[in-house]
Amino acid sequence: MVIPETVYQEIINAGATEPATLAIKSLKWIKKGSVNNLTLVMNLQTKLDPG
């Protein structure tokens, strides 16, 4: 699974003992990646927060 850097930071900042934080740090199949379709990102940001 590839998640954007912003999503990664939002999860990590939730707290060191949160289940999602522990999972994202330990599961090797979760990777950070870059978004390629910036137009889609800009359109989605009108409805969603960055994370």
N, C-alpha and C. Protein backbone atom coordinates (compact mmCIF):
# COMPACT_ATOMS: atom_id res chain seq x y z
N MET A 1 0.84 -1.14 0.00
CA MET A 1 0.00 0.00 0.00
C MET A 1 0.91 1.22 0.00
N VAL A 2 0.58 2.19 -0.84
CA VAL A 2 1.34 3.44 -0.89
C VAL A 2 0.44 4.56 -0.41
N ILE A 3 0.96 5.34 0.54
CA ILE A 3 0.20 6.47 1.06
C ILE A 3 1.02 7.75 0.85
N PRO A 4 0.35 8.88 0.63
CA PRO A 4 1.07 10.14 0.46
C PRO A 4 1.77 10.56 1.75
N GLU A 5 2.82 11.34 1.61
CA GLU A 5 3.59 11.84 2.75
C GLU A 5 2.69 12.56 3.75
N THR A 6 1.73 13.35 3.27
CA THR A 6 0.84 14.09 4.17
C THR A 6 0.02 13.15 5.04
N VAL A 7 -0.46 12.07 4.47
CA VAL A 7 -1.23 11.09 5.24
C VAL A 7 -0.32 10.43 6.27
N TYR A 8 0.88 10.08 5.85
CA TYR A 8 1.85 9.48 6.77
C TYR A 8 2.09 10.39 7.97
N GLN A 9 2.33 11.67 7.71
CA GLN A 9 2.60 12.62 8.80
C GLN A 9 1.39 12.77 9.72
N GLU A 10 0.20 12.79 9.15
CA GLU A 10 -1.02 12.91 9.96
C GLU A 10 -1.15 11.72 10.91
N ILE A 11 -0.86 10.54 10.42
CA ILE A 11 -0.96 9.34 11.26
C ILE A 11 0.13 9.33 12.33
N ILE A 12 1.35 9.64 11.94
CA ILE A 12 2.47 9.65 12.89
C ILE A 12 2.24 10.69 13.99
N ASN A 13 1.69 11.84 13.63
CA ASN A 13 1.46 12.91 14.60
C ASN A 13 0.29 12.61 15.54
N ALA A 14 -0.46 11.56 15.28
CA ALA A 14 -1.60 11.20 16.13
C ALA A 14 -1.15 10.72 17.50
N GLY A 15 0.06 10.22 17.58
CA GLY A 15 0.58 9.74 18.87
C GLY A 15 1.28 8.41 18.73
N ALA A 16 2.33 8.25 19.49
CA ALA A 16 3.19 7.07 19.38
C ALA A 16 2.49 5.77 19.76
N THR A 17 1.46 5.84 20.58
CA THR A 17 0.80 4.60 21.02
C THR A 17 -0.49 4.31 20.27
N GLU A 18 -0.86 5.16 19.33
CA GLU A 18 -2.06 4.91 18.54
C GLU A 18 -1.84 3.68 17.65
N PRO A 19 -2.86 2.83 17.51
CA PRO A 19 -2.70 1.62 16.68
C PRO A 19 -2.25 1.92 15.25
N ALA A 20 -2.79 2.97 14.64
CA ALA A 20 -2.39 3.30 13.26
C ALA A 20 -0.92 3.70 13.19
N THR A 21 -0.45 4.43 14.19
CA THR A 21 0.96 4.84 14.22
C THR A 21 1.86 3.62 14.36
N LEU A 22 1.51 2.73 15.25
CA LEU A 22 2.30 1.51 15.43
C LEU A 22 2.32 0.68 14.16
N ALA A 23 1.17 0.58 13.50
CA ALA A 23 1.08 -0.22 12.27
C ALA A 23 1.91 0.38 11.15
N ILE A 24 1.78 1.68 10.95
CA ILE A 24 2.48 2.31 9.83
C ILE A 24 3.99 2.25 10.00
N LYS A 25 4.45 2.23 11.24
CA LYS A 25 5.89 2.14 11.49
C LYS A 25 6.43 0.72 11.38
N SER A 26 5.58 -0.28 11.58
CA SER A 26 6.08 -1.65 11.62
C SER A 26 5.75 -2.49 10.39
N LEU A 27 4.70 -2.17 9.68
CA LEU A 27 4.31 -2.98 8.52
C LEU A 27 5.11 -2.57 7.29
N LYS A 28 5.84 -3.51 6.76
CA LYS A 28 6.73 -3.23 5.62
C LYS A 28 5.98 -3.02 4.31
N TRP A 29 4.71 -3.43 4.25
CA TRP A 29 3.96 -3.29 3.01
C TRP A 29 3.28 -1.93 2.91
N ILE A 30 3.44 -1.07 3.91
CA ILE A 30 2.94 0.30 3.83
C ILE A 30 4.13 1.20 3.50
N LYS A 31 4.05 1.88 2.38
CA LYS A 31 5.13 2.74 1.90
C LYS A 31 4.62 4.16 1.69
N LYS A 32 5.53 5.12 1.81
CA LYS A 32 5.22 6.51 1.47
C LYS A 32 5.51 6.71 -0.01
N GLY A 33 4.68 7.50 -0.66
CA GLY A 33 4.90 7.78 -2.06
C GLY A 33 4.47 9.18 -2.42
N SER A 34 4.82 9.58 -3.61
CA SER A 34 4.45 10.90 -4.11
C SER A 34 3.19 10.82 -4.95
N VAL A 35 2.45 11.90 -4.94
CA VAL A 35 1.25 12.00 -5.77
C VAL A 35 1.68 12.48 -7.15
N ASN A 36 1.18 11.84 -8.19
CA ASN A 36 1.54 12.21 -9.55
C ASN A 36 0.52 13.12 -10.22
N ASN A 37 -0.74 12.97 -9.87
CA ASN A 37 -1.80 13.73 -10.52
C ASN A 37 -2.16 14.95 -9.67
N LEU A 38 -1.41 16.04 -9.85
CA LEU A 38 -1.61 17.23 -9.02
C LEU A 38 -2.96 17.91 -9.30
N THR A 39 -3.46 17.79 -10.51
CA THR A 39 -4.77 18.35 -10.82
C THR A 39 -5.85 17.67 -9.99
N LEU A 40 -5.79 16.36 -9.90
CA LEU A 40 -6.75 15.61 -9.10
C LEU A 40 -6.62 15.99 -7.62
N VAL A 41 -5.40 16.13 -7.14
CA VAL A 41 -5.18 16.53 -5.75
C VAL A 41 -5.83 17.88 -5.48
N MET A 42 -5.62 18.83 -6.36
CA MET A 42 -6.20 20.17 -6.17
C MET A 42 -7.72 20.11 -6.17
N ASN A 43 -8.30 19.30 -7.02
CA ASN A 43 -9.76 19.15 -7.04
C ASN A 43 -10.27 18.50 -5.76
N LEU A 44 -9.57 17.49 -5.28
CA LEU A 44 -10.00 16.80 -4.06
C LEU A 44 -9.83 17.68 -2.83
N GLN A 45 -8.86 18.58 -2.84
CA GLN A 45 -8.63 19.44 -1.68
C GLN A 45 -9.78 20.42 -1.44
N THR A 46 -10.65 20.59 -2.42
CA THR A 46 -11.83 21.43 -2.19
C THR A 46 -12.85 20.70 -1.33
N LYS A 47 -12.71 19.37 -1.21
CA LYS A 47 -13.66 18.56 -0.45
C LYS A 47 -13.03 17.83 0.74
N LEU A 48 -11.71 17.63 0.70
CA LEU A 48 -11.02 16.83 1.72
C LEU A 48 -9.86 17.62 2.32
N ASP A 49 -9.46 17.24 3.54
CA ASP A 49 -8.26 17.85 4.10
C ASP A 49 -7.03 17.15 3.51
N PRO A 50 -5.84 17.73 3.66
CA PRO A 50 -4.65 17.16 3.02
C PRO A 50 -4.32 15.74 3.46
N GLY A 51 -4.67 15.36 4.68
CA GLY A 51 -4.32 14.02 5.15
C GLY A 51 -5.41 13.04 4.89
